[in-house]
N, C-alpha and C. Protein backbone atom coordinates (compact mmCIF):
# COMPACT_ATOMS: atom_id res chain seq x y z
N MET A 1 112.20 65.49 83.47
CA MET A 1 111.42 64.35 83.89
C MET A 1 110.85 64.58 85.33
N SER A 2 109.53 64.40 85.46
CA SER A 2 108.94 64.63 86.77
C SER A 2 109.17 63.50 87.75
N ILE A 3 109.18 63.87 89.01
CA ILE A 3 109.42 62.88 90.07
C ILE A 3 108.06 62.22 90.40
N THR A 4 108.03 60.93 90.53
CA THR A 4 106.78 60.22 90.86
C THR A 4 106.49 60.32 92.36
N HIS A 5 105.25 60.05 92.70
CA HIS A 5 104.85 60.11 94.14
C HIS A 5 105.63 59.08 94.97
N THR A 6 105.96 57.97 94.34
CA THR A 6 106.72 56.91 95.03
C THR A 6 108.13 57.40 95.35
N GLU A 7 108.77 58.10 94.40
CA GLU A 7 110.10 58.65 94.63
C GLU A 7 110.07 59.75 95.68
N LEU A 8 109.05 60.54 95.70
CA LEU A 8 108.93 61.56 96.73
C LEU A 8 108.84 60.93 98.13
N TRP A 9 108.01 59.90 98.21
CA TRP A 9 107.86 59.23 99.49
C TRP A 9 109.12 58.54 99.93
N ASN A 10 109.87 58.02 99.00
CA ASN A 10 111.17 57.40 99.33
C ASN A 10 112.15 58.43 99.90
N SER A 11 112.10 59.65 99.32
CA SER A 11 112.93 60.73 99.85
C SER A 11 112.50 61.11 101.24
N CYS A 12 111.24 61.14 101.45
CA CYS A 12 110.68 61.44 102.76
C CYS A 12 111.06 60.39 103.76
N ARG A 13 110.91 59.14 103.32
CA ARG A 13 111.23 58.01 104.19
C ARG A 13 112.75 57.98 104.61
N GLN A 14 113.61 58.43 103.69
CA GLN A 14 115.04 58.50 103.96
C GLN A 14 115.34 59.49 105.09
N ILE A 15 114.63 60.61 105.09
CA ILE A 15 114.79 61.61 106.11
C ILE A 15 114.39 61.03 107.50
N ILE A 16 113.28 60.33 107.45
CA ILE A 16 112.80 59.68 108.71
C ILE A 16 113.81 58.65 109.16
N ARG A 17 114.33 57.86 108.22
CA ARG A 17 115.23 56.82 108.56
C ARG A 17 116.53 57.41 109.21
N ASP A 18 116.95 58.57 108.81
CA ASP A 18 118.14 59.19 109.34
C ASP A 18 117.97 59.75 110.73
N ASN A 19 116.70 59.78 111.19
CA ASN A 19 116.43 60.44 112.45
C ASN A 19 115.88 59.49 113.54
N ILE A 20 115.75 58.21 113.25
CA ILE A 20 115.31 57.22 114.25
C ILE A 20 116.20 56.01 114.11
N SER A 21 116.05 55.08 115.01
CA SER A 21 116.88 53.83 114.95
C SER A 21 116.36 52.96 113.84
N GLN A 22 117.20 52.06 113.38
CA GLN A 22 116.86 51.09 112.38
C GLN A 22 115.66 50.24 112.76
N GLN A 23 115.71 49.87 114.04
CA GLN A 23 114.58 49.02 114.59
C GLN A 23 113.24 49.76 114.47
N GLN A 24 113.22 51.01 114.89
CA GLN A 24 112.00 51.84 114.79
C GLN A 24 111.52 51.98 113.36
N TYR A 25 112.52 52.28 112.45
CA TYR A 25 112.19 52.47 111.05
C TYR A 25 111.57 51.21 110.47
N THR A 26 112.20 50.05 110.75
CA THR A 26 111.71 48.80 110.19
C THR A 26 110.33 48.47 110.70
N ALA A 27 110.08 48.79 112.04
CA ALA A 27 108.79 48.44 112.62
C ALA A 27 107.69 49.25 112.13
N TRP A 28 107.92 50.60 111.89
CA TRP A 28 106.82 51.50 111.67
C TRP A 28 106.78 52.14 110.29
N PHE A 29 107.87 52.17 109.56
CA PHE A 29 107.87 52.91 108.29
C PHE A 29 108.22 52.07 107.07
N SER A 30 108.89 50.94 107.26
CA SER A 30 109.30 50.23 106.05
C SER A 30 108.16 49.66 105.28
N SER A 31 106.98 49.41 105.89
CA SER A 31 105.78 48.82 105.18
C SER A 31 104.82 49.88 104.65
N ILE A 32 105.14 51.19 104.97
CA ILE A 32 104.21 52.23 104.48
C ILE A 32 104.54 52.57 103.04
N GLU A 33 103.49 52.64 102.23
CA GLU A 33 103.68 52.98 100.80
C GLU A 33 102.86 54.18 100.42
N SER A 34 103.35 54.90 99.42
CA SER A 34 102.58 56.02 98.92
C SER A 34 101.49 55.56 97.94
N VAL A 35 100.25 55.98 98.25
CA VAL A 35 99.19 55.67 97.36
C VAL A 35 99.07 56.68 96.21
N GLY A 36 99.40 57.92 96.59
CA GLY A 36 99.37 59.02 95.56
C GLY A 36 99.59 60.31 96.18
N PHE A 37 99.96 61.31 95.38
CA PHE A 37 100.13 62.69 95.80
C PHE A 37 99.64 63.62 94.67
N ALA A 38 98.52 64.31 94.95
CA ALA A 38 97.95 65.23 93.98
C ALA A 38 97.16 66.30 94.68
N ASN A 39 97.18 67.48 94.07
CA ASN A 39 96.43 68.64 94.63
C ASN A 39 96.68 68.90 96.12
N GLY A 40 97.94 68.72 96.44
CA GLY A 40 98.34 68.98 97.84
C GLY A 40 97.90 67.98 98.87
N GLU A 41 97.49 66.83 98.40
CA GLU A 41 97.09 65.76 99.27
C GLU A 41 97.91 64.49 99.15
N LEU A 42 98.50 64.06 100.21
CA LEU A 42 99.35 62.89 100.21
C LEU A 42 98.62 61.75 100.91
N ARG A 43 98.57 60.57 100.22
CA ARG A 43 97.88 59.40 100.77
C ARG A 43 98.87 58.32 100.99
N LEU A 44 98.96 57.83 102.19
CA LEU A 44 99.89 56.77 102.60
C LEU A 44 99.10 55.58 103.00
N HIS A 45 99.47 54.35 102.46
CA HIS A 45 98.86 53.14 102.84
C HIS A 45 99.62 52.50 104.03
N VAL A 46 98.92 52.24 105.13
CA VAL A 46 99.53 51.67 106.33
C VAL A 46 98.84 50.31 106.59
N PRO A 47 99.51 49.43 107.33
CA PRO A 47 98.93 48.10 107.56
C PRO A 47 97.63 48.06 108.30
N SER A 48 97.35 48.98 109.25
CA SER A 48 96.19 48.89 110.09
C SER A 48 95.93 50.17 110.81
N SER A 49 94.79 50.24 111.44
CA SER A 49 94.43 51.41 112.28
C SER A 49 95.38 51.60 113.42
N PHE A 50 95.98 50.51 113.90
CA PHE A 50 96.91 50.55 114.99
C PHE A 50 98.13 51.37 114.60
N PHE A 51 98.55 51.20 113.33
CA PHE A 51 99.70 51.95 112.80
C PHE A 51 99.36 53.44 112.83
N VAL A 52 98.14 53.79 112.42
CA VAL A 52 97.76 55.17 112.42
C VAL A 52 97.88 55.79 113.86
N GLU A 53 97.39 55.04 114.87
CA GLU A 53 97.44 55.51 116.22
C GLU A 53 98.85 55.73 116.68
N GLN A 54 99.74 54.75 116.34
CA GLN A 54 101.11 54.79 116.77
C GLN A 54 101.90 55.93 116.09
N LEU A 55 101.64 56.07 114.81
CA LEU A 55 102.32 57.12 114.06
C LEU A 55 101.89 58.50 114.58
N GLU A 56 100.61 58.67 114.81
CA GLU A 56 100.09 59.95 115.33
C GLU A 56 100.64 60.24 116.73
N GLU A 57 100.77 59.24 117.54
CA GLU A 57 101.19 59.41 118.93
C GLU A 57 102.68 59.53 119.10
N ARG A 58 103.46 58.84 118.30
CA ARG A 58 104.87 58.75 118.50
C ARG A 58 105.69 59.46 117.47
N TYR A 59 105.23 59.54 116.25
CA TYR A 59 106.11 60.02 115.17
C TYR A 59 105.50 61.18 114.32
N LEU A 60 104.40 61.78 114.79
CA LEU A 60 103.72 62.76 113.98
C LEU A 60 104.62 63.99 113.69
N ASP A 61 105.34 64.43 114.72
CA ASP A 61 106.20 65.58 114.55
C ASP A 61 107.29 65.33 113.52
N LEU A 62 107.95 64.21 113.60
CA LEU A 62 109.01 63.86 112.62
C LEU A 62 108.41 63.65 111.24
N LEU A 63 107.30 62.96 111.13
CA LEU A 63 106.61 62.70 109.86
C LEU A 63 106.20 64.06 109.23
N SER A 64 105.65 64.91 109.99
CA SER A 64 105.17 66.21 109.46
C SER A 64 106.35 67.08 108.94
N LYS A 65 107.50 67.02 109.66
CA LYS A 65 108.63 67.80 109.23
C LYS A 65 109.27 67.23 107.96
N ALA A 66 109.28 65.93 107.89
CA ALA A 66 109.86 65.26 106.67
C ALA A 66 108.96 65.59 105.49
N ILE A 67 107.65 65.51 105.69
CA ILE A 67 106.73 65.79 104.55
C ILE A 67 106.85 67.23 104.11
N HIS A 68 106.98 68.15 105.08
CA HIS A 68 107.11 69.57 104.75
C HIS A 68 108.40 69.82 103.93
N LYS A 69 109.47 69.09 104.30
CA LYS A 69 110.72 69.34 103.60
C LYS A 69 110.72 68.78 102.19
N VAL A 70 110.03 67.67 101.96
CA VAL A 70 110.04 66.99 100.67
C VAL A 70 108.92 67.51 99.74
N TYR A 71 107.69 67.65 100.34
CA TYR A 71 106.54 68.02 99.51
C TYR A 71 106.19 69.52 99.56
N GLY A 72 106.66 70.20 100.55
CA GLY A 72 106.40 71.63 100.68
C GLY A 72 105.37 71.92 101.70
N GLU A 73 104.88 73.15 101.78
CA GLU A 73 103.91 73.55 102.80
C GLU A 73 102.47 73.19 102.40
N GLY A 74 101.64 73.15 103.37
CA GLY A 74 100.20 72.97 103.17
C GLY A 74 99.76 71.61 102.65
N VAL A 75 100.54 70.58 102.90
CA VAL A 75 100.22 69.27 102.42
C VAL A 75 99.24 68.57 103.39
N ALA A 76 98.13 68.07 102.90
CA ALA A 76 97.18 67.32 103.72
C ALA A 76 97.51 65.86 103.67
N LEU A 77 97.73 65.25 104.80
CA LEU A 77 98.09 63.87 104.95
C LEU A 77 96.90 62.96 105.25
N TYR A 78 96.76 61.89 104.49
CA TYR A 78 95.69 60.91 104.71
C TYR A 78 96.29 59.56 104.87
N TYR A 79 95.81 58.80 105.86
CA TYR A 79 96.24 57.41 105.98
C TYR A 79 95.16 56.52 105.39
N CYS A 80 95.54 55.47 104.69
CA CYS A 80 94.61 54.51 104.15
C CYS A 80 94.98 53.13 104.64
N TYR A 81 93.98 52.35 105.06
CA TYR A 81 94.24 51.00 105.51
C TYR A 81 93.01 50.15 105.29
N ASP A 82 93.19 48.85 105.23
CA ASP A 82 92.04 47.97 105.03
C ASP A 82 91.44 47.60 106.32
N ALA A 83 90.12 47.91 106.50
CA ALA A 83 89.42 47.60 107.75
C ALA A 83 89.42 46.12 108.01
N VAL A 84 89.31 45.35 106.91
CA VAL A 84 89.41 43.88 107.02
C VAL A 84 90.71 43.53 106.27
N ASN A 85 91.62 42.96 107.02
CA ASN A 85 92.95 42.73 106.46
C ASN A 85 92.93 41.93 105.12
N GLY A 86 93.57 42.48 104.06
CA GLY A 86 93.68 41.84 102.82
C GLY A 86 92.48 42.07 101.89
N GLN A 87 91.45 42.72 102.36
CA GLN A 87 90.27 43.01 101.54
C GLN A 87 90.28 44.47 101.20
N HIS A 88 90.74 44.81 99.96
CA HIS A 88 90.94 46.19 99.56
C HIS A 88 89.63 46.94 99.38
N ASP A 89 88.53 46.22 99.28
CA ASP A 89 87.25 46.92 99.10
C ASP A 89 86.72 47.44 100.44
N THR A 90 87.50 47.19 101.50
CA THR A 90 87.09 47.71 102.82
C THR A 90 88.06 48.84 103.25
N THR A 91 88.79 49.42 102.29
CA THR A 91 89.79 50.45 102.60
C THR A 91 89.14 51.66 103.29
N VAL A 92 89.76 52.10 104.38
CA VAL A 92 89.31 53.26 105.13
C VAL A 92 90.34 54.35 104.95
N GLN A 93 89.88 55.62 104.89
CA GLN A 93 90.81 56.71 104.72
C GLN A 93 90.53 57.73 105.86
N VAL A 94 91.59 58.09 106.61
CA VAL A 94 91.43 59.08 107.69
C VAL A 94 92.49 60.12 107.55
N ARG A 95 92.14 61.35 107.93
CA ARG A 95 93.06 62.45 107.83
C ARG A 95 93.83 62.59 109.15
N THR A 96 95.11 63.05 109.01
CA THR A 96 95.95 63.11 110.21
C THR A 96 95.31 64.04 111.22
N SER A 97 95.57 63.77 112.50
CA SER A 97 94.85 64.51 113.56
C SER A 97 95.27 65.95 113.73
N ASP A 98 96.43 66.37 113.20
CA ASP A 98 96.83 67.75 113.35
C ASP A 98 95.99 68.66 112.42
N GLN A 99 95.23 67.98 111.53
CA GLN A 99 94.27 68.78 110.72
C GLN A 99 92.85 68.41 111.00
N SER A 100 92.65 67.86 112.16
CA SER A 100 91.31 67.30 112.52
C SER A 100 90.25 68.42 112.64
N ALA A 101 90.66 69.66 112.80
CA ALA A 101 89.72 70.73 112.92
C ALA A 101 88.90 70.91 111.62
N GLU A 102 89.38 70.26 110.53
CA GLU A 102 88.65 70.33 109.25
C GLU A 102 87.26 69.80 109.36
N ILE A 103 87.05 68.80 110.22
CA ILE A 103 85.73 68.22 110.38
C ILE A 103 84.80 69.22 111.03
N MET A 104 85.34 70.13 111.80
CA MET A 104 84.50 71.14 112.47
C MET A 104 84.52 72.47 111.74
N ARG A 105 84.80 72.41 110.46
CA ARG A 105 84.93 73.66 109.71
C ARG A 105 83.60 74.49 109.61
N ASN A 106 82.49 73.79 109.81
CA ASN A 106 81.20 74.47 109.68
C ASN A 106 80.64 74.96 110.98
N VAL A 107 81.44 74.86 112.09
CA VAL A 107 80.94 75.28 113.37
C VAL A 107 80.99 76.79 113.46
N ARG A 108 79.96 77.33 114.09
CA ARG A 108 79.95 78.80 114.34
C ARG A 108 81.09 79.18 115.23
N VAL A 109 81.64 80.34 115.05
CA VAL A 109 82.78 80.77 115.85
C VAL A 109 82.33 81.13 117.26
N ALA A 110 81.11 81.66 117.38
CA ALA A 110 80.58 82.10 118.67
C ALA A 110 80.30 80.89 119.55
N PRO A 111 80.49 81.00 120.88
CA PRO A 111 80.18 79.89 121.79
C PRO A 111 78.75 79.49 121.71
N ALA A 112 78.45 78.25 122.13
CA ALA A 112 77.09 77.74 122.04
C ALA A 112 76.17 78.46 123.00
N ASN A 113 74.99 78.76 122.58
CA ASN A 113 73.96 79.38 123.42
C ASN A 113 72.88 78.32 123.63
N PRO A 114 72.73 77.78 124.87
CA PRO A 114 71.80 76.69 125.11
C PRO A 114 70.35 77.09 124.90
N PHE A 115 70.04 78.39 124.81
CA PHE A 115 68.69 78.82 124.67
C PHE A 115 68.32 79.09 123.18
N ILE A 116 69.21 78.83 122.30
CA ILE A 116 68.99 78.98 120.84
C ILE A 116 69.00 77.64 120.20
N ASN A 117 67.95 77.26 119.57
CA ASN A 117 67.87 75.92 118.91
C ASN A 117 68.51 76.02 117.54
N GLU A 118 69.83 76.11 117.47
CA GLU A 118 70.55 76.24 116.25
C GLU A 118 71.60 75.11 116.15
N GLN A 119 71.68 74.48 115.00
CA GLN A 119 72.51 73.36 114.77
C GLN A 119 73.56 73.62 113.71
N PRO A 120 74.70 72.92 113.69
CA PRO A 120 75.65 73.12 112.62
C PRO A 120 75.11 72.79 111.29
N ARG A 121 75.67 73.42 110.28
CA ARG A 121 75.22 73.15 108.88
C ARG A 121 75.69 71.74 108.51
N ASP A 122 75.28 71.35 107.28
CA ASP A 122 75.61 70.00 106.78
C ASP A 122 77.11 69.82 106.74
N PHE A 123 77.57 68.55 107.04
CA PHE A 123 78.99 68.26 106.99
C PHE A 123 79.14 66.80 106.59
N ASP A 124 80.33 66.41 106.26
CA ASP A 124 80.60 65.04 105.82
C ASP A 124 80.47 64.12 107.00
N SER A 125 79.61 63.10 106.88
CA SER A 125 79.36 62.16 108.00
C SER A 125 80.54 61.21 108.20
N GLN A 126 81.49 61.17 107.21
CA GLN A 126 82.62 60.26 107.32
C GLN A 126 82.24 58.81 107.30
N LEU A 127 81.11 58.49 106.68
CA LEU A 127 80.63 57.12 106.60
C LEU A 127 81.04 56.47 105.28
N ASN A 128 81.39 55.21 105.31
CA ASN A 128 81.70 54.44 104.13
C ASN A 128 80.47 53.68 103.67
N PRO A 129 79.90 53.99 102.49
CA PRO A 129 78.63 53.39 102.05
C PRO A 129 78.73 51.87 101.94
N LYS A 130 79.94 51.36 101.84
CA LYS A 130 80.11 49.86 101.79
C LYS A 130 79.71 49.18 103.11
N TYR A 131 79.80 49.93 104.17
CA TYR A 131 79.53 49.33 105.50
C TYR A 131 78.04 49.49 105.83
N ASN A 132 77.19 48.75 105.16
CA ASN A 132 75.78 48.73 105.47
C ASN A 132 75.30 47.41 105.94
N PHE A 133 74.05 47.38 106.44
CA PHE A 133 73.50 46.12 106.96
C PHE A 133 73.30 45.06 105.86
N ALA A 134 73.11 45.49 104.67
CA ALA A 134 72.84 44.58 103.54
C ALA A 134 74.03 43.64 103.27
N ASN A 135 75.25 44.16 103.41
CA ASN A 135 76.40 43.29 103.13
C ASN A 135 77.22 42.98 104.40
N TYR A 136 76.57 43.12 105.55
CA TYR A 136 77.20 42.74 106.80
C TYR A 136 77.21 41.20 106.95
N CYS A 137 78.33 40.65 107.33
CA CYS A 137 78.45 39.17 107.46
C CYS A 137 77.65 38.77 108.69
N PHE A 138 76.49 38.15 108.50
CA PHE A 138 75.59 37.85 109.62
C PHE A 138 75.75 36.38 109.99
N GLY A 139 75.85 36.11 111.27
CA GLY A 139 76.02 34.72 111.76
C GLY A 139 75.61 34.57 113.19
N GLU A 140 75.69 33.34 113.70
CA GLU A 140 75.27 33.09 115.08
C GLU A 140 76.08 33.90 116.09
N SER A 141 77.32 34.12 115.80
CA SER A 141 78.20 34.80 116.78
C SER A 141 77.88 36.30 116.93
N ASN A 142 77.30 36.92 115.94
CA ASN A 142 77.05 38.34 116.04
C ASN A 142 75.54 38.68 115.93
N GLN A 143 74.68 37.68 116.11
CA GLN A 143 73.26 37.89 115.97
C GLN A 143 72.70 38.93 116.92
N VAL A 144 73.13 38.84 118.21
CA VAL A 144 72.68 39.83 119.17
C VAL A 144 73.15 41.21 118.85
N ALA A 145 74.47 41.33 118.48
CA ALA A 145 74.98 42.65 118.21
C ALA A 145 74.29 43.33 117.01
N ARG A 146 74.01 42.51 115.96
CA ARG A 146 73.32 43.05 114.80
C ARG A 146 71.90 43.48 115.16
N THR A 147 71.19 42.64 115.92
CA THR A 147 69.79 42.94 116.28
C THR A 147 69.70 44.25 117.05
N ILE A 148 70.66 44.40 118.00
CA ILE A 148 70.66 45.66 118.75
C ILE A 148 71.00 46.83 117.84
N ALA A 149 71.99 46.68 117.01
CA ALA A 149 72.39 47.74 116.12
C ALA A 149 71.30 48.23 115.21
N GLU A 150 70.52 47.26 114.69
CA GLU A 150 69.39 47.56 113.82
C GLU A 150 68.25 48.27 114.60
N SER A 151 68.13 47.83 115.87
CA SER A 151 67.13 48.46 116.71
C SER A 151 67.45 49.93 116.92
N ILE A 152 68.70 50.26 117.14
CA ILE A 152 69.12 51.62 117.35
C ILE A 152 69.00 52.39 116.03
N ALA A 153 69.40 51.79 114.93
CA ALA A 153 69.35 52.47 113.62
C ALA A 153 67.92 52.80 113.24
N ASN A 154 66.99 51.94 113.52
CA ASN A 154 65.60 52.15 113.19
C ASN A 154 64.88 53.14 114.09
N ASP A 155 65.38 53.29 115.31
CA ASP A 155 64.81 54.20 116.26
C ASP A 155 65.84 54.77 117.19
N PRO A 156 66.59 55.76 116.74
CA PRO A 156 67.70 56.33 117.54
C PRO A 156 67.22 56.87 118.90
N ASN A 157 65.98 57.29 118.99
CA ASN A 157 65.41 57.84 120.22
C ASN A 157 65.16 56.83 121.29
N ASN A 158 65.17 55.55 120.94
CA ASN A 158 64.93 54.46 121.87
C ASN A 158 66.21 54.26 122.69
N LYS A 159 66.17 54.53 123.99
CA LYS A 159 67.38 54.49 124.81
C LYS A 159 67.64 53.11 125.44
N THR A 160 66.86 52.14 125.07
CA THR A 160 67.04 50.79 125.67
C THR A 160 68.49 50.27 125.42
N PHE A 161 68.99 50.39 124.20
CA PHE A 161 70.31 49.94 123.89
C PHE A 161 71.29 51.06 123.47
N ASN A 162 70.81 52.32 123.65
CA ASN A 162 71.57 53.41 123.13
C ASN A 162 71.92 54.38 124.26
N PRO A 163 73.19 54.64 124.61
CA PRO A 163 74.38 54.32 123.74
C PRO A 163 74.80 52.87 123.75
N LEU A 164 75.49 52.53 122.68
CA LEU A 164 75.92 51.16 122.49
C LEU A 164 77.47 51.07 122.49
N PHE A 165 78.01 50.15 123.29
CA PHE A 165 79.46 49.92 123.30
C PHE A 165 79.72 48.56 122.65
N VAL A 166 80.55 48.54 121.64
CA VAL A 166 80.94 47.35 120.92
C VAL A 166 82.39 47.03 121.13
N SER A 167 82.68 45.80 121.58
CA SER A 167 84.07 45.41 121.85
C SER A 167 84.39 44.12 121.19
N GLY A 168 85.63 43.95 120.73
CA GLY A 168 86.04 42.68 120.09
C GLY A 168 87.38 42.85 119.43
N PRO A 169 87.98 41.71 119.03
CA PRO A 169 89.28 41.76 118.34
C PRO A 169 89.19 42.37 116.98
N CYS A 170 90.37 42.62 116.43
CA CYS A 170 90.48 43.26 115.12
C CYS A 170 89.90 42.37 114.00
N GLY A 171 89.09 42.96 113.10
CA GLY A 171 88.65 42.25 111.94
C GLY A 171 87.35 41.49 112.12
N VAL A 172 86.60 41.69 113.22
CA VAL A 172 85.33 40.94 113.39
C VAL A 172 84.13 41.73 112.96
N GLY A 173 84.32 42.99 112.49
CA GLY A 173 83.20 43.75 111.95
C GLY A 173 82.68 44.89 112.79
N LYS A 174 83.43 45.33 113.79
CA LYS A 174 82.95 46.39 114.68
C LYS A 174 82.70 47.68 113.88
N THR A 175 83.68 48.11 113.06
CA THR A 175 83.54 49.28 112.30
C THR A 175 82.34 49.23 111.34
N HIS A 176 82.26 48.01 110.69
CA HIS A 176 81.13 47.85 109.74
C HIS A 176 79.80 48.02 110.43
N LEU A 177 79.65 47.40 111.58
CA LEU A 177 78.38 47.44 112.29
C LEU A 177 78.01 48.88 112.77
N ILE A 178 78.99 49.57 113.29
CA ILE A 178 78.80 50.89 113.78
C ILE A 178 78.41 51.85 112.64
N GLN A 179 79.15 51.74 111.51
CA GLN A 179 78.81 52.61 110.40
C GLN A 179 77.49 52.26 109.78
N ALA A 180 77.12 50.96 109.80
CA ALA A 180 75.83 50.56 109.27
C ALA A 180 74.66 51.26 110.03
N ILE A 181 74.86 51.48 111.33
CA ILE A 181 73.82 52.20 112.07
C ILE A 181 73.65 53.61 111.49
N GLY A 182 74.82 54.29 111.30
CA GLY A 182 74.80 55.64 110.80
C GLY A 182 74.16 55.72 109.39
N ILE A 183 74.50 54.75 108.56
CA ILE A 183 74.05 54.72 107.18
C ILE A 183 72.49 54.54 107.15
N ARG A 184 72.00 53.60 108.02
CA ARG A 184 70.60 53.39 108.05
C ARG A 184 69.81 54.64 108.57
N ILE A 185 70.37 55.27 109.54
CA ILE A 185 69.72 56.52 110.04
C ILE A 185 69.63 57.56 108.96
N LYS A 186 70.76 57.74 108.19
CA LYS A 186 70.77 58.71 107.07
C LYS A 186 69.81 58.31 105.97
N GLU A 187 69.67 57.00 105.75
CA GLU A 187 68.75 56.51 104.69
C GLU A 187 67.28 56.86 105.08
N GLN A 188 66.95 56.74 106.35
CA GLN A 188 65.60 57.00 106.81
C GLN A 188 65.30 58.47 107.05
N ASN A 189 66.39 59.19 107.34
CA ASN A 189 66.29 60.64 107.56
C ASN A 189 67.55 61.34 107.05
N PRO A 190 67.50 61.73 105.76
CA PRO A 190 68.68 62.36 105.17
C PRO A 190 69.19 63.62 105.90
N HIS A 191 68.30 64.27 106.63
CA HIS A 191 68.68 65.49 107.37
C HIS A 191 69.26 65.22 108.78
N ALA A 192 69.31 63.96 109.15
CA ALA A 192 69.88 63.58 110.46
C ALA A 192 71.33 63.92 110.50
N ARG A 193 71.81 64.38 111.63
CA ARG A 193 73.24 64.69 111.76
C ARG A 193 73.97 63.50 112.32
N VAL A 194 74.74 62.85 111.42
CA VAL A 194 75.45 61.64 111.82
C VAL A 194 76.95 61.88 111.50
N LEU A 195 77.81 61.49 112.45
CA LEU A 195 79.29 61.63 112.25
C LEU A 195 79.98 60.44 112.78
N TYR A 196 80.76 59.76 111.96
CA TYR A 196 81.63 58.69 112.38
C TYR A 196 83.03 59.28 112.62
N VAL A 197 83.53 59.09 113.85
CA VAL A 197 84.84 59.66 114.18
C VAL A 197 85.52 58.67 115.14
N THR A 198 86.85 58.50 114.88
CA THR A 198 87.60 57.57 115.75
C THR A 198 87.87 58.20 117.10
N ALA A 199 88.08 57.40 118.09
CA ALA A 199 88.37 57.89 119.42
C ALA A 199 89.62 58.77 119.43
N ARG A 200 90.58 58.32 118.61
CA ARG A 200 91.84 59.07 118.49
C ARG A 200 91.65 60.46 117.94
N LEU A 201 90.79 60.59 116.92
CA LEU A 201 90.49 61.90 116.30
C LEU A 201 89.71 62.77 117.29
N PHE A 202 88.76 62.14 117.97
CA PHE A 202 87.96 62.89 118.97
C PHE A 202 88.85 63.45 120.03
N GLN A 203 89.74 62.63 120.50
CA GLN A 203 90.71 63.10 121.57
C GLN A 203 91.57 64.24 121.03
N SER A 204 92.03 64.09 119.77
CA SER A 204 92.90 65.13 119.21
C SER A 204 92.17 66.47 119.06
N GLN A 205 90.87 66.35 118.65
CA GLN A 205 90.05 67.53 118.49
C GLN A 205 89.87 68.26 119.85
N PHE A 206 89.62 67.45 120.88
CA PHE A 206 89.41 68.05 122.22
C PHE A 206 90.74 68.69 122.68
N THR A 207 91.85 68.00 122.47
CA THR A 207 93.11 68.54 122.94
C THR A 207 93.42 69.87 122.22
N ALA A 208 93.24 69.90 120.89
CA ALA A 208 93.46 71.10 120.11
C ALA A 208 92.53 72.21 120.53
N ALA A 209 91.28 71.91 120.78
CA ALA A 209 90.30 72.92 121.19
C ALA A 209 90.67 73.50 122.59
N ASN A 210 91.09 72.62 123.46
CA ASN A 210 91.49 73.07 124.79
C ASN A 210 92.72 73.92 124.74
N HIS A 211 93.68 73.59 123.92
CA HIS A 211 94.92 74.35 123.75
C HIS A 211 94.63 75.74 123.19
N LYS A 212 93.64 75.84 122.26
CA LYS A 212 93.39 77.10 121.63
C LYS A 212 92.24 77.89 122.37
N GLY A 213 91.80 77.36 123.45
CA GLY A 213 90.74 78.04 124.24
C GLY A 213 89.42 78.05 123.54
N GLN A 214 89.13 76.92 122.75
CA GLN A 214 87.89 76.88 121.99
C GLN A 214 87.03 75.71 122.42
N ILE A 215 86.99 75.43 123.72
CA ILE A 215 86.23 74.30 124.21
C ILE A 215 84.77 74.49 123.95
N ASN A 216 84.26 75.75 124.03
CA ASN A 216 82.85 75.95 123.77
C ASN A 216 82.48 75.56 122.35
N ASN A 217 83.35 75.88 121.39
CA ASN A 217 83.11 75.50 120.02
C ASN A 217 83.04 73.97 119.88
N PHE A 218 83.95 73.29 120.55
CA PHE A 218 83.97 71.85 120.55
C PHE A 218 82.67 71.30 121.08
N PHE A 219 82.22 71.78 122.23
CA PHE A 219 80.98 71.35 122.85
C PHE A 219 79.81 71.61 121.90
N HIS A 220 79.81 72.83 121.31
CA HIS A 220 78.69 73.19 120.43
C HIS A 220 78.60 72.24 119.27
N PHE A 221 79.72 71.90 118.71
CA PHE A 221 79.70 71.01 117.50
C PHE A 221 79.12 69.65 117.87
N TYR A 222 79.63 69.06 118.95
CA TYR A 222 79.18 67.72 119.32
C TYR A 222 77.81 67.72 120.04
């Protein structure tokens, strides 16, 4: 009889439980569920992006060791969470930061040459097609933000509002609005290079590149 992905995660969770306090386990791991495990990819559902940040910052080493022991080597870990709490059609999936170099897999190995007009090959923009302007919840409270976002999306070369900094509490549509800009740009110019990346992943990529002496590759990609 084969072991289910839920049973595998329960075994993994027990290892974690044995290595941290009950309070830590209850706070950070008791609510995590296995979405599935197939083709060497493990997907865990977590309550929010905040959980992803905390797990990566505080428990990644323990989590990685437990996964290695239960699932074996070479397992790719993905976190899944609802961008809007309780709305499963807004589910976001991100890969753990220790494998963040995957996004830069198409970067040339050689350092960037500023005198050569050469760009990275096509890559996954990491955009969720559900987050477009057509289904963005538009209202009085976000009218200015949306107008500015559409202005940037329609003309990225216009520097009046670009770069744009969006701030607000969880669940008000920041991720939706930012990704809608990228989607509109790709709609108007399919060859445009657009990448949605979290600050946490960007930081992890920079740290990994710095540690490996590959800062030039990092600069060249971005």
